[in-house]
Amino acid sequence: MHGYSSHTFKLVDNHCKFHFFKWHLSTNQSVKNLAPQRAAQLEGENPDYATQDLFNAIADNNFPRWAAYIQVMEPEYTKKSRYDIFDITMVWSQKEYPLMEVGKFTLNRNPEN
């Protein structure tokens, strides 16, 4: 599953200069969906199915991976924006604020508690 941050975050450098940013995670696995009937069945039988599936994949050394990207906005653009950049219902345009790859994200162990 792909993911992204709804919230806007702030990056600050050593000189107190800052930029706003949002996270985007793009799965390296293929996206697979359950048939609606099977999803409804699992919802009633095991509402934690997705968590269990993730836990089992990690236990089997089938580690899920994502490419990590950020969208960056200069502070002065907040005044020009057509919307409140802190509104979690708004998505930043990838045309205006392109994705920049910053690394990889891997889940390689399960919690022990």
PDB file of N, CA and C in Angstrom:
ATOM      1  N   MET A   1       0.841  -1.172   0.000  1.00  0.00           N
ATOM      2  CA  MET A   1       0.000   0.000   0.000  1.00  0.00           C
ATOM      3  C   MET A   1       0.891   1.242   0.000  1.00  0.00           C
ATOM      4  N   HIS A   2       0.547   2.198  -0.828  1.00  0.00           N
ATOM      5  CA  HIS A   2       1.238   3.483  -0.822  1.00  0.00           C
ATOM      6  C   HIS A   2       0.764   4.279   0.397  1.00  0.00           C
ATOM      7  N   GLY A   3       1.553   5.246   0.794  1.00  0.00           N
ATOM      8  CA  GLY A   3       1.167   6.072   1.926  1.00  0.00           C
ATOM      9  C   GLY A   3       1.702   7.483   1.781  1.00  0.00           C
ATOM     10  N   TYR A   4       1.116   8.378   2.520  1.00  0.00           N
ATOM     11  CA  TYR A   4       1.597   9.757   2.540  1.00  0.00           C
ATOM     12  C   TYR A   4       1.153  10.401   3.840  1.00  0.00           C
ATOM     13  N   SER A   5       1.844  11.470   4.216  1.00  0.00           N
ATOM     14  CA  SER A   5       1.474  12.189   5.434  1.00  0.00           C
ATOM     15  C   SER A   5       0.363  13.176   5.114  1.00  0.00           C
ATOM     16  N   SER A   6      -0.633  13.184   5.929  1.00  0.00           N
ATOM     17  CA  SER A   6      -1.671  14.209   5.800  1.00  0.00           C
ATOM     18  C   SER A   6      -1.159  15.532   6.349  1.00  0.00           C
ATOM     19  N   HIS A   7      -0.362  15.427   7.400  1.00  0.00           N
ATOM     20  CA  HIS A   7       0.150  16.618   8.064  1.00  0.00           C
ATOM     21  C   HIS A   7       1.342  17.201   7.319  1.00  0.00           C
ATOM     22  N   THR A   8       1.548  18.481   7.498  1.00  0.00           N
ATOM     23  CA  THR A   8       2.702  19.191   6.956  1.00  0.00           C
ATOM     24  C   THR A   8       3.748  19.264   8.061  1.00  0.00           C
ATOM     25  N   PHE A   9       4.988  18.969   7.703  1.00  0.00           N
ATOM     26  CA  PHE A   9       6.098  18.999   8.651  1.00  0.00           C
ATOM     27  C   PHE A   9       7.047  20.135   8.288  1.00  0.00           C
ATOM     28  N   LYS A  10       8.014  20.371   9.177  1.00  0.00           N
ATOM     29  CA  LYS A  10       8.946  21.474   8.997  1.00  0.00           C
ATOM     30  C   LYS A  10      10.374  20.938   9.119  1.00  0.00           C
ATOM     31  N   LEU A  11      11.206  21.216   8.116  1.00  0.00           N
ATOM     32  CA  LEU A  11      12.632  20.904   8.154  1.00  0.00           C
ATOM     33  C   LEU A  11      13.375  22.184   8.508  1.00  0.00           C
ATOM     34  N   VAL A  12      14.279  22.109   9.484  1.00  0.00           N
ATOM     35  CA  VAL A  12      15.036  23.286   9.906  1.00  0.00           C
ATOM     36  C   VAL A  12      16.526  22.945   9.833  1.00  0.00           C
ATOM     37  N   ASP A  13      17.312  23.813   9.179  1.00  0.00           N
ATOM     38  CA  ASP A  13      18.755  23.555   9.085  1.00  0.00           C
ATOM     39  C   ASP A  13      19.499  24.224  10.245  1.00  0.00           C
ATOM     40  N   ASN A  14      20.830  24.125  10.226  1.00  0.00           N
ATOM     41  CA  ASN A  14      21.668  24.671  11.311  1.00  0.00           C
ATOM     42  C   ASN A  14      21.616  26.190  11.409  1.00  0.00           C
ATOM     43  N   HIS A  15      21.122  26.843  10.346  1.00  0.00           N
ATOM     44  CA  HIS A  15      21.042  28.303  10.334  1.00  0.00           C
ATOM     45  C   HIS A  15      19.614  28.789  10.575  1.00  0.00           C
ATOM     46  N   CYS A  16      18.769  27.908  11.065  1.00  0.00           N
ATOM     47  CA  CYS A  16      17.363  28.193  11.373  1.00  0.00           C
ATOM     48  C   CYS A  16      16.533  28.508  10.133  1.00  0.00           C
ATOM     49  N   LYS A  17      17.045  28.182   8.952  1.00  0.00           N
ATOM     50  CA  LYS A  17      16.252  28.314   7.731  1.00  0.00           C
ATOM     51  C   LYS A  17      15.367  27.077   7.642  1.00  0.00           C
ATOM     52  N   PHE A  18      14.118  27.274   7.243  1.00  0.00           N
ATOM     53  CA  PHE A  18      13.216  26.132   7.220  1.00  0.00           C
ATOM     54  C   PHE A  18      12.426  26.027   5.931  1.00  0.00           C
ATOM     55  N   HIS A  19      11.911  24.825   5.710  1.00  0.00           N
ATOM     56  CA  HIS A  19      11.031  24.498   4.588  1.00  0.00           C
ATOM     57  C   HIS A  19       9.922  23.617   5.139  1.00  0.00           C
ATOM     58  N   PHE A  20       8.776  23.668   4.498  1.00  0.00           N
ATOM     59  CA  PHE A  20       7.689  22.764   4.854  1.00  0.00           C
ATOM     60  C   PHE A  20       7.753  21.557   3.928  1.00  0.00           C
ATOM     61  N   PHE A  21       7.294  20.403   4.423  1.00  0.00           N
ATOM     62  CA  PHE A  21       7.323  19.217   3.575  1.00  0.00           C
ATOM     63  C   PHE A  21       6.244  18.218   3.958  1.00  0.00           C
ATOM     64  N   LYS A  22       5.956  17.324   3.022  1.00  0.00           N
ATOM     65  CA  LYS A  22       5.044  16.201   3.233  1.00  0.00           C
ATOM     66  C   LYS A  22       5.743  14.926   2.782  1.00  0.00           C
ATOM     67  N   TRP A  23       5.490  13.839   3.502  1.00  0.00           N
ATOM     68  CA  TRP A  23       6.036  12.517   3.171  1.00  0.00           C
ATOM     69  C   TRP A  23       5.166  11.808   2.150  1.00  0.00           C
ATOM     70  N   HIS A  24       5.810  11.003   1.305  1.00  0.00           N
ATOM     71  CA  HIS A  24       5.128  10.074   0.403  1.00  0.00           C
ATOM     72  C   HIS A  24       5.913   8.777   0.421  1.00  0.00           C
ATOM     73  N   LEU A  25       5.231   7.660   0.572  1.00  0.00           N
ATOM     74  CA  LEU A  25       5.859   6.340   0.545  1.00  0.00           C
ATOM     75  C   LEU A  25       5.247   5.555  -0.603  1.00  0.00           C
ATOM     76  N   SER A  26       6.092   5.078  -1.490  1.00  0.00           N
ATOM     77  CA  SER A  26       5.636   4.329  -2.659  1.00  0.00           C
ATOM     78  C   SER A  26       6.092   2.880  -2.511  1.00  0.00           C
ATOM     79  N   THR A  27       5.145   1.966  -2.435  1.00  0.00           N
ATOM     80  CA  THR A  27       5.460   0.572  -2.173  1.00  0.00           C
ATOM     81  C   THR A  27       6.310  -0.043  -3.280  1.00  0.00           C
ATOM     82  N   ASN A  28       7.236  -0.904  -2.878  1.00  0.00           N
ATOM     83  CA  ASN A  28       8.031  -1.671  -3.840  1.00  0.00           C
ATOM     84  C   ASN A  28       7.355  -3.007  -4.149  1.00  0.00           C
ATOM     85  N   GLN A  29       6.358  -3.359  -3.372  1.00  0.00           N
ATOM     86  CA  GLN A  29       5.561  -4.552  -3.636  1.00  0.00           C
ATOM     87  C   GLN A  29       4.444  -4.144  -4.592  1.00  0.00           C
ATOM     88  N   SER A  30       3.889  -5.080  -5.249  1.00  0.00           N
ATOM     89  CA  SER A  30       2.727  -4.744  -6.066  1.00  0.00           C
ATOM     90  C   SER A  30       1.536  -4.497  -5.139  1.00  0.00           C
ATOM     91  N   VAL A  31       0.619  -3.682  -5.587  1.00  0.00           N
ATOM     92  CA  VAL A  31      -0.584  -3.407  -4.812  1.00  0.00           C
ATOM     93  C   VAL A  31      -1.595  -4.511  -5.114  1.00  0.00           C
ATOM     94  N   LYS A  32      -2.055  -5.174  -4.071  1.00  0.00           N
ATOM     95  CA  LYS A  32      -3.034  -6.250  -4.233  1.00  0.00           C
ATOM     96  C   LYS A  32      -4.243  -5.933  -3.367  1.00  0.00           C
ATOM     97  N   ASN A  33      -5.409  -6.117  -3.926  1.00  0.00           N
ATOM     98  CA  ASN A  33      -6.641  -5.858  -3.193  1.00  0.00           C
ATOM     99  C   ASN A  33      -7.449  -7.144  -3.070  1.00  0.00           C
ATOM    100  N   LEU A  34      -8.217  -7.206  -2.013  1.00  0.00           N
ATOM    101  CA  LEU A  34      -9.130  -8.328  -1.819  1.00  0.00           C
ATOM    102  C   LEU A  34     -10.421  -8.071  -2.582  1.00  0.00           C
ATOM    103  N   ALA A  35     -11.054  -9.134  -3.002  1.00  0.00           N
ATOM    104  CA  ALA A  35     -12.384  -9.000  -3.598  1.00  0.00           C
ATOM    105  C   ALA A  35     -13.324  -8.457  -2.522  1.00  0.00           C
ATOM    106  N   PRO A  36     -14.293  -7.627  -2.888  1.00  0.00           N
ATOM    107  CA  PRO A  36     -15.194  -7.033  -1.895  1.00  0.00           C
ATOM    108  C   PRO A  36     -15.856  -8.060  -0.970  1.00  0.00           C
ATOM    109  N   GLN A  37     -16.254  -9.189  -1.521  1.00  0.00           N
ATOM    110  CA  GLN A  37     -16.909 -10.211  -0.694  1.00  0.00           C
ATOM    111  C   GLN A  37     -15.937 -10.768   0.346  1.00  0.00           C
ATOM    112  N   ARG A  38     -14.686 -11.027  -0.067  1.00  0.00           N
ATOM    113  CA  ARG A  38     -13.677 -11.565   0.852  1.00  0.00           C
ATOM    114  C   ARG A  38     -13.321 -10.519   1.906  1.00  0.00           C
ATOM    115  N   ALA A  39     -13.222  -9.265   1.518  1.00  0.00           N
ATOM    116  CA  ALA A  39     -12.925  -8.192   2.466  1.00  0.00           C
ATOM    117  C   ALA A  39     -14.024  -8.083   3.520  1.00  0.00           C
ATOM    118  N   ALA A  40     -15.274  -8.173   3.094  1.00  0.00           N
ATOM    119  CA  ALA A  40     -16.399  -8.109   4.034  1.00  0.00           C
ATOM    120  C   ALA A  40     -16.367  -9.305   4.986  1.00  0.00           C
ATOM    121  N   GLN A  41     -16.038 -10.468   4.452  1.00  0.00           N
ATOM    122  CA  GLN A  41     -15.952 -11.669   5.287  1.00  0.00           C
ATOM    123  C   GLN A  41     -14.852 -11.511   6.341  1.00  0.00           C
ATOM    124  N   LEU A  42     -13.679 -11.067   5.925  1.00  0.00           N
ATOM    125  CA  LEU A  42     -12.571 -10.902   6.859  1.00  0.00           C
ATOM    126  C   LEU A  42     -12.854  -9.819   7.890  1.00  0.00           C
ATOM    127  N   GLU A  43     -13.562  -8.790   7.480  1.00  0.00           N
ATOM    128  CA  GLU A  43     -13.917  -7.712   8.410  1.00  0.00           C
ATOM    129  C   GLU A  43     -14.683  -8.266   9.605  1.00  0.00           C
ATOM    130  N   GLY A  44     -15.563  -9.223   9.332  1.00  0.00           N
ATOM    131  CA  GLY A  44     -16.333  -9.838  10.418  1.00  0.00           C
ATOM    132  C   GLY A  44     -15.559 -10.897  11.180  1.00  0.00           C
ATOM    133  N   GLU A  45     -14.720 -11.658  10.483  1.00  0.00           N
ATOM    134  CA  GLU A  45     -13.983 -12.753  11.108  1.00  0.00           C
ATOM    135  C   GLU A  45     -12.707 -12.306  11.823  1.00  0.00           C
ATOM    136  N   ASN A  46     -11.984 -11.396  11.217  1.00  0.00           N
ATOM    137  CA  ASN A  46     -10.689 -10.984  11.753  1.00  0.00           C
ATOM    138  C   ASN A  46     -10.430  -9.522  11.386  1.00  0.00           C
ATOM    139  N   PRO A  47     -10.918  -8.587  12.205  1.00  0.00           N
ATOM    140  CA  PRO A  47     -10.747  -7.172  11.866  1.00  0.00           C
ATOM    141  C   PRO A  47      -9.279  -6.730  11.850  1.00  0.00           C
ATOM    142  N   ASP A  48      -8.382  -7.557  12.397  1.00  0.00           N
ATOM    143  CA  ASP A  48      -6.950  -7.248  12.395  1.00  0.00           C
ATOM    144  C   ASP A  48      -6.201  -7.988  11.295  1.00  0.00           C
ATOM    145  N   TYR A  49      -6.907  -8.414  10.259  1.00  0.00           N
ATOM    146  CA  TYR A  49      -6.312  -9.207   9.186  1.00  0.00           C
ATOM    147  C   TYR A  49      -5.097  -8.519   8.560  1.00  0.00           C
ATOM    148  N   ALA A  50      -5.206  -7.240   8.241  1.00  0.00           N
ATOM    149  CA  ALA A  50      -4.112  -6.528   7.570  1.00  0.00           C
ATOM    150  C   ALA A  50      -2.877  -6.461   8.472  1.00  0.00           C
ATOM    151  N   THR A  51      -3.087  -6.203   9.755  1.00  0.00           N
ATOM    152  CA  THR A  51      -1.969  -6.159  10.700  1.00  0.00           C
ATOM    153  C   THR A  51      -1.335  -7.533  10.832  1.00  0.00           C
ATOM    154  N   GLN A  52      -2.158  -8.554  10.919  1.00  0.00           N
ATOM    155  CA  GLN A  52      -1.658  -9.925  11.018  1.00  0.00           C
ATOM    156  C   GLN A  52      -0.881 -10.313   9.756  1.00  0.00           C
ATOM    157  N   ASP A  53      -1.385  -9.948   8.596  1.00  0.00           N
ATOM    158  CA  ASP A  53      -0.711 -10.242   7.338  1.00  0.00           C
ATOM    159  C   ASP A  53       0.667  -9.572   7.299  1.00  0.00           C
ATOM    160  N   LEU A  54       0.744  -8.325   7.723  1.00  0.00           N
ATOM    161  CA  LEU A  54       2.010  -7.602   7.774  1.00  0.00           C
ATOM    162  C   LEU A  54       2.970  -8.273   8.758  1.00  0.00           C
ATOM    163  N   PHE A  55       2.486  -8.599   9.944  1.00  0.00           N
ATOM    164  CA  PHE A  55       3.299  -9.254  10.970  1.00  0.00           C
ATOM    165  C   PHE A  55       3.862 -10.569  10.439  1.00  0.00           C
ATOM    166  N   ASN A  56       3.011 -11.367   9.806  1.00  0.00           N
ATOM    167  CA  ASN A  56       3.436 -12.670   9.282  1.00  0.00           C
ATOM    168  C   ASN A  56       4.460 -12.521   8.154  1.00  0.00           C
ATOM    169  N   ALA A  57       4.284 -11.541   7.299  1.00  0.00           N
ATOM    170  CA  ALA A  57       5.245 -11.319   6.204  1.00  0.00           C
ATOM    171  C   ALA A  57       6.625 -10.993   6.770  1.00  0.00           C
ATOM    172  N   ILE A  58       6.663 -10.135   7.766  1.00  0.00           N
ATOM    173  CA  ILE A  58       7.944  -9.769   8.383  1.00  0.00           C
ATOM    174  C   ILE A  58       8.560 -10.987   9.080  1.00  0.00           C
ATOM    175  N   ALA A  59       7.747 -11.764   9.789  1.00  0.00           N
ATOM    176  CA  ALA A  59       8.235 -12.976  10.462  1.00  0.00           C
ATOM    177  C   ALA A  59       8.810 -13.977   9.463  1.00  0.00           C
ATOM    178  N   ASP A  60       8.286 -13.996   8.249  1.00  0.00           N
ATOM    179  CA  ASP A  60       8.757 -14.900   7.191  1.00  0.00           C
ATOM    180  C   ASP A  60       9.900 -14.295   6.370  1.00  0.00           C
ATOM    181  N   ASN A  61      10.494 -13.199   6.859  1.00  0.00           N
ATOM    182  CA  ASN A  61      11.582 -12.486   6.168  1.00  0.00           C
ATOM    183  C   ASN A  61      11.176 -11.960   4.792  1.00  0.00           C
ATOM    184  N   ASN A  62       9.903 -11.718   4.609  1.00  0.00           N
ATOM    185  CA  ASN A  62       9.388 -11.095   3.388  1.00  0.00           C
ATOM    186  C   ASN A  62       9.140  -9.617   3.728  1.00  0.00           C
ATOM    187  N   PHE A  63      10.234  -8.878   3.850  1.00  0.00           N
ATOM    188  CA  PHE A  63      10.182  -7.526   4.380  1.00  0.00           C
ATOM    189  C   PHE A  63       9.559  -6.544   3.393  1.00  0.00           C
ATOM    190  N   PRO A  64       8.502  -5.862   3.800  1.00  0.00           N
ATOM    191  CA  PRO A  64       7.901  -4.843   2.922  1.00  0.00           C
ATOM    192  C   PRO A  64       8.815  -3.619   2.840  1.00  0.00           C
ATOM    193  N   ARG A  65       8.897  -3.056   1.622  1.00  0.00           N
ATOM    194  CA  ARG A  65       9.776  -1.910   1.367  1.00  0.00           C
ATOM    195  C   ARG A  65       9.020  -0.818   0.606  1.00  0.00           C
ATOM    196  N   TRP A  66       9.446   0.391   0.871  1.00  0.00           N
ATOM    197  CA  TRP A  66       8.885   1.548   0.196  1.00  0.00           C
ATOM    198  C   TRP A  66      10.016   2.480  -0.226  1.00  0.00           C
ATOM    199  N   ALA A  67       9.822   3.207  -1.292  1.00  0.00           N
ATOM    200  CA  ALA A  67      10.683   4.334  -1.638  1.00  0.00           C
ATOM    201  C   ALA A  67      10.100   5.539  -0.900  1.00  0.00           C
ATOM    202  N   ALA A  68      10.968   6.308  -0.256  1.00  0.00           N
ATOM    203  CA  ALA A  68      10.525   7.469   0.525  1.00  0.00           C
ATOM    204  C   ALA A  68      10.784   8.750  -0.260  1.00  0.00           C
ATOM    205  N   TYR A  69       9.759   9.564  -0.371  1.00  0.00           N
ATOM    206  CA  TYR A  69       9.826  10.836  -1.093  1.00  0.00           C
ATOM    207  C   TYR A  69       9.320  11.952  -0.181  1.00  0.00           C
ATOM    208  N   ILE A  70       9.731  13.159  -0.498  1.00  0.00           N
ATOM    209  CA  ILE A  70       9.136  14.333   0.148  1.00  0.00           C
ATOM    210  C   ILE A  70       8.760  15.347  -0.925  1.00  0.00           C
ATOM    211  N   GLN A  71       7.768  16.144  -0.596  1.00  0.00           N
ATOM    212  CA  GLN A  71       7.426  17.340  -1.359  1.00  0.00           C
ATOM    213  C   GLN A  71       7.855  18.507  -0.484  1.00  0.00           C
ATOM    214  N   VAL A  72       8.533  19.467  -1.056  1.00  0.00           N
ATOM    215  CA  VAL A  72       9.079  20.579  -0.273  1.00  0.00           C
ATOM    216  C   VAL A  72       8.460  21.892  -0.746  1.00  0.00           C
ATOM    217  N   MET A  73       8.106  22.720   0.231  1.00  0.00           N
ATOM    218  CA  MET A  73       7.548  24.042  -0.071  1.00  0.00           C
ATOM    219  C   MET A  73       8.347  25.106   0.682  1.00  0.00           C
ATOM    220  N   GLU A  74       8.769  26.118  -0.056  1.00  0.00           N
ATOM    221  CA  GLU A  74       9.448  27.262   0.552  1.00  0.00           C
ATOM    222  C   GLU A  74       8.431  28.052   1.381  1.00  0.00           C
ATOM    223  N   PRO A  75       8.831  28.599   2.526  1.00  0.00           N
ATOM    224  CA  PRO A  75       7.884  29.324   3.390  1.00  0.00           C
ATOM    225  C   PRO A  75       7.143  30.460   2.684  1.00  0.00           C
ATOM    226  N   GLU A  76       7.812  31.141   1.764  1.00  0.00           N
ATOM    227  CA  GLU A  76       7.155  32.277   1.092  1.00  0.00           C
ATOM    228  C   GLU A  76       5.996  31.838   0.196  1.00  0.00           C
ATOM    229  N   TYR A  77       5.986  30.580  -0.226  1.00  0.00           N
ATOM    230  CA  TYR A  77       4.891  30.079  -1.062  1.00  0.00           C
ATOM    231  C   TYR A  77       3.603  29.876  -0.276  1.00  0.00           C
ATOM    232  N   THR A  78       3.705  29.819   1.039  1.00  0.00           N
ATOM    233  CA  THR A  78       2.490  29.634   1.845  1.00  0.00           C
ATOM    234  C   THR A  78       1.548  30.821   1.680  1.00  0.00           C
ATOM    235  N   LYS A  79       2.099  31.994   1.460  1.00  0.00           N
ATOM    236  CA  LYS A  79       1.269  33.196   1.281  1.00  0.00           C
ATOM    237  C   LYS A  79       0.562  33.199  -0.069  1.00  0.00           C
ATOM    238  N   LYS A  80       1.173  32.521  -1.068  1.00  0.00           N
ATOM    239  CA  LYS A  80       0.619  32.482  -2.417  1.00  0.00           C
ATOM    240  C   LYS A  80      -0.309  31.291  -2.632  1.00  0.00           C
ATOM    241  N   SER A  81      -0.306  30.366  -1.698  1.00  0.00           N
ATOM    242  CA  SER A  81      -1.071  29.133  -1.873  1.00  0.00           C
ATOM    243  C   SER A  81      -2.569  29.409  -1.923  1.00  0.00           C
ATOM    244  N   ARG A  82      -3.261  28.612  -2.738  1.00  0.00           N
ATOM    245  CA  ARG A  82      -4.720  28.751  -2.883  1.00  0.00           C
ATOM    246  C   ARG A  82      -5.469  28.174  -1.678  1.00  0.00           C
ATOM    247  N   TYR A  83      -4.754  27.481  -0.806  1.00  0.00           N
ATOM    248  CA  TYR A  83      -5.367  26.817   0.348  1.00  0.00           C
ATOM    249  C   TYR A  83      -4.402  26.838   1.520  1.00  0.00           C
ATOM    250  N   ASP A  84      -4.900  26.529   2.678  1.00  0.00           N
ATOM    251  CA  ASP A  84      -4.090  26.444   3.885  1.00  0.00           C
ATOM    252  C   ASP A  84      -3.217  25.193   3.790  1.00  0.00           C
ATOM    253  N   ILE A  85      -1.893  25.349   3.774  1.00  0.00           N
ATOM    254  CA  ILE A  85      -1.006  24.194   3.597  1.00  0.00           C
ATOM    255  C   ILE A  85      -1.030  23.245   4.796  1.00  0.00           C
ATOM    256  N   PHE A  86      -1.626  23.683   5.890  1.00  0.00           N
ATOM    257  CA  PHE A  86      -1.729  22.821   7.071  1.00  0.00           C
ATOM    258  C   PHE A  86      -3.075  22.090   7.132  1.00  0.00           C
ATOM    259  N   ASP A  87      -3.928  22.321   6.169  1.00  0.00           N
ATOM    260  CA  ASP A  87      -5.222  21.634   6.086  1.00  0.00           C
ATOM    261  C   ASP A  87      -4.967  20.194   5.646  1.00  0.00           C
ATOM    262  N   ILE A  88      -5.267  19.226   6.521  1.00  0.00           N
ATOM    263  CA  ILE A  88      -4.941  17.830   6.203  1.00  0.00           C
ATOM    264  C   ILE A  88      -5.834  17.245   5.115  1.00  0.00           C
ATOM    265  N   THR A  89      -6.865  17.968   4.706  1.00  0.00           N
ATOM    266  CA  THR A  89      -7.725  17.467   3.622  1.00  0.00           C
ATOM    267  C   THR A  89      -7.215  17.883   2.250  1.00  0.00           C
ATOM    268  N   MET A  90      -6.199  18.726   2.221  1.00  0.00           N
ATOM    269  CA  MET A  90      -5.675  19.222   0.950  1.00  0.00           C
ATOM    270  C   MET A  90      -4.419  18.450   0.552  1.00  0.00           C
ATOM    271  N   VAL A  91      -4.302  18.166  -0.740  1.00  0.00           N
ATOM    272  CA  VAL A  91      -3.138  17.477  -1.296  1.00  0.00           C
ATOM    273  C   VAL A  91      -2.344  18.492  -2.104  1.00  0.00           C
ATOM    274  N   TRP A  92      -1.040  18.520  -1.893  1.00  0.00           N
ATOM    275  CA  TRP A  92      -0.195  19.442  -2.649  1.00  0.00           C
ATOM    276  C   TRP A  92      -0.027  18.926  -4.070  1.00  0.00           C
ATOM    277  N   SER A  93      -0.067  19.814  -5.012  1.00  0.00           N
ATOM    278  CA  SER A  93       0.117  19.474  -6.422  1.00  0.00           C
ATOM    279  C   SER A  93       1.538  18.951  -6.650  1.00  0.00           C
ATOM    280  N   GLN A  94       1.639  17.764  -7.263  1.00  0.00           N
ATOM    281  CA  GLN A  94       2.963  17.221  -7.579  1.00  0.00           C
ATOM    282  C   GLN A  94       3.586  17.960  -8.764  1.00  0.00           C
ATOM    283  N   LYS A  95       2.764  18.662  -9.506  1.00  0.00           N
ATOM    284  CA  LYS A  95       3.286  19.484 -10.604  1.00  0.00           C
ATOM    285  C   LYS A  95       4.021  20.703 -10.029  1.00  0.00           C
ATOM    286  N   GLU A  96       3.417  21.320  -9.009  1.00  0.00           N
ATOM    287  CA  GLU A  96       4.024  22.489  -8.374  1.00  0.00           C
ATOM    288  C   GLU A  96       5.127  22.116  -7.394  1.00  0.00           C
ATOM    289  N   TYR A  97       4.946  20.991  -6.703  1.00  0.00           N
ATOM    290  CA  TYR A  97       5.882  20.534  -5.678  1.00  0.00           C
ATOM    291  C   TYR A  97       6.224  19.069  -5.962  1.00  0.00           C
ATOM    292  N   PRO A  98       7.159  18.842  -6.888  1.00  0.00           N
ATOM    293  CA  PRO A  98       7.453  17.473  -7.323  1.00  0.00           C
ATOM    294  C   PRO A  98       8.027  16.615  -6.196  1.00  0.00           C
ATOM    295  N   LEU A  99       7.816  15.310  -6.319  1.00  0.00           N
ATOM    296  CA  LEU A  99       8.362  14.370  -5.351  1.00  0.00           C
ATOM    297  C   LEU A  99       9.874  14.289  -5.509  1.00  0.00           C
ATOM    298  N   MET A 100      10.565  14.310  -4.383  1.00  0.00           N
ATOM    299  CA  MET A 100      12.025  14.159  -4.367  1.00  0.00           C
ATOM    300  C   MET A 100      12.344  12.908  -3.557  1.00  0.00           C
ATOM    301  N   GLU A 101      13.025  11.949  -4.182  1.00  0.00           N
ATOM    302  CA  GLU A 101      13.345  10.713  -3.455  1.00  0.00           C
ATOM    303  C   GLU A 101      14.425  11.008  -2.417  1.00  0.00           C
ATOM    304  N   VAL A 102      14.178  10.564  -1.187  1.00  0.00           N
ATOM    305  CA  VAL A 102      15.123  10.820  -0.097  1.00  0.00           C
ATOM    306  C   VAL A 102      15.642   9.534   0.548  1.00  0.00           C
ATOM    307  N   GLY A 103      15.120   8.380   0.159  1.00  0.00           N
ATOM    308  CA  GLY A 103      15.629   7.149   0.741  1.00  0.00           C
ATOM    309  C   GLY A 103      14.679   5.985   0.576  1.00  0.00           C
ATOM    310  N   LYS A 104      14.937   4.977   1.359  1.00  0.00           N
ATOM    311  CA  LYS A 104      14.138   3.748   1.369  1.00  0.00           C
ATOM    312  C   LYS A 104      13.623   3.520   2.784  1.00  0.00           C
ATOM    313  N   PHE A 105      12.525   2.803   2.867  1.00  0.00           N
ATOM    314  CA  PHE A 105      11.885   2.502   4.152  1.00  0.00           C
ATOM    315  C   PHE A 105      11.576   1.007   4.147  1.00  0.00           C
ATOM    316  N   THR A 106      12.109   0.271   5.114  1.00  0.00           N
ATOM    317  CA  THR A 106      11.913  -1.173   5.182  1.00  0.00           C
ATOM    318  C   THR A 106      11.455  -1.564   6.577  1.00  0.00           C
ATOM    319  N   LEU A 107      10.432  -2.390   6.654  1.00  0.00           N
ATOM    320  CA  LEU A 107      10.021  -2.978   7.932  1.00  0.00           C
ATOM    321  C   LEU A 107      10.691  -4.342   8.016  1.00  0.00           C
ATOM    322  N   ASN A 108      11.701  -4.461   8.882  1.00  0.00           N
ATOM    323  CA  ASN A 108      12.483  -5.689   8.911  1.00  0.00           C
ATOM    324  C   ASN A 108      12.453  -6.434  10.238  1.00  0.00           C
ATOM    325  N   ARG A 109      11.595  -6.017  11.156  1.00  0.00           N
ATOM    326  CA  ARG A 109      11.419  -6.764  12.401  1.00  0.00           C
ATOM    327  C   ARG A 109      10.084  -6.389  13.034  1.00  0.00           C
ATOM    328  N   ASN A 110       9.548  -7.325  13.753  1.00  0.00           N
ATOM    329  CA  ASN A 110       8.276  -7.116  14.448  1.00  0.00           C
ATOM    330  C   ASN A 110       8.525  -6.633  15.865  1.00  0.00           C
ATOM    331  N   PRO A 111       7.589  -5.898  16.432  1.00  0.00           N
ATOM    332  CA  PRO A 111       7.724  -5.497  17.835  1.00  0.00           C
ATOM    333  C   PRO A 111       7.688  -6.725  18.738  1.00  0.00           C
ATOM    334  N   GLU A 112       8.380  -6.628  19.831  1.00  0.00           N
ATOM    335  CA  GLU A 112       8.445  -7.762  20.759  1.00  0.00           C
ATOM    336  C   GLU A 112       7.479  -7.630  21.926  1.00  0.00           C
ATOM    337  N   ASN A 113       6.808  -6.528  22.059  1.00  0.00           N
ATOM    338  CA  ASN A 113       5.886  -6.363  23.192  1.00  0.00           C
ATOM    339  C   ASN A 113       4.483  -6.680  22.766  1.00  0.00           C
TER     340      ASN A 113
END
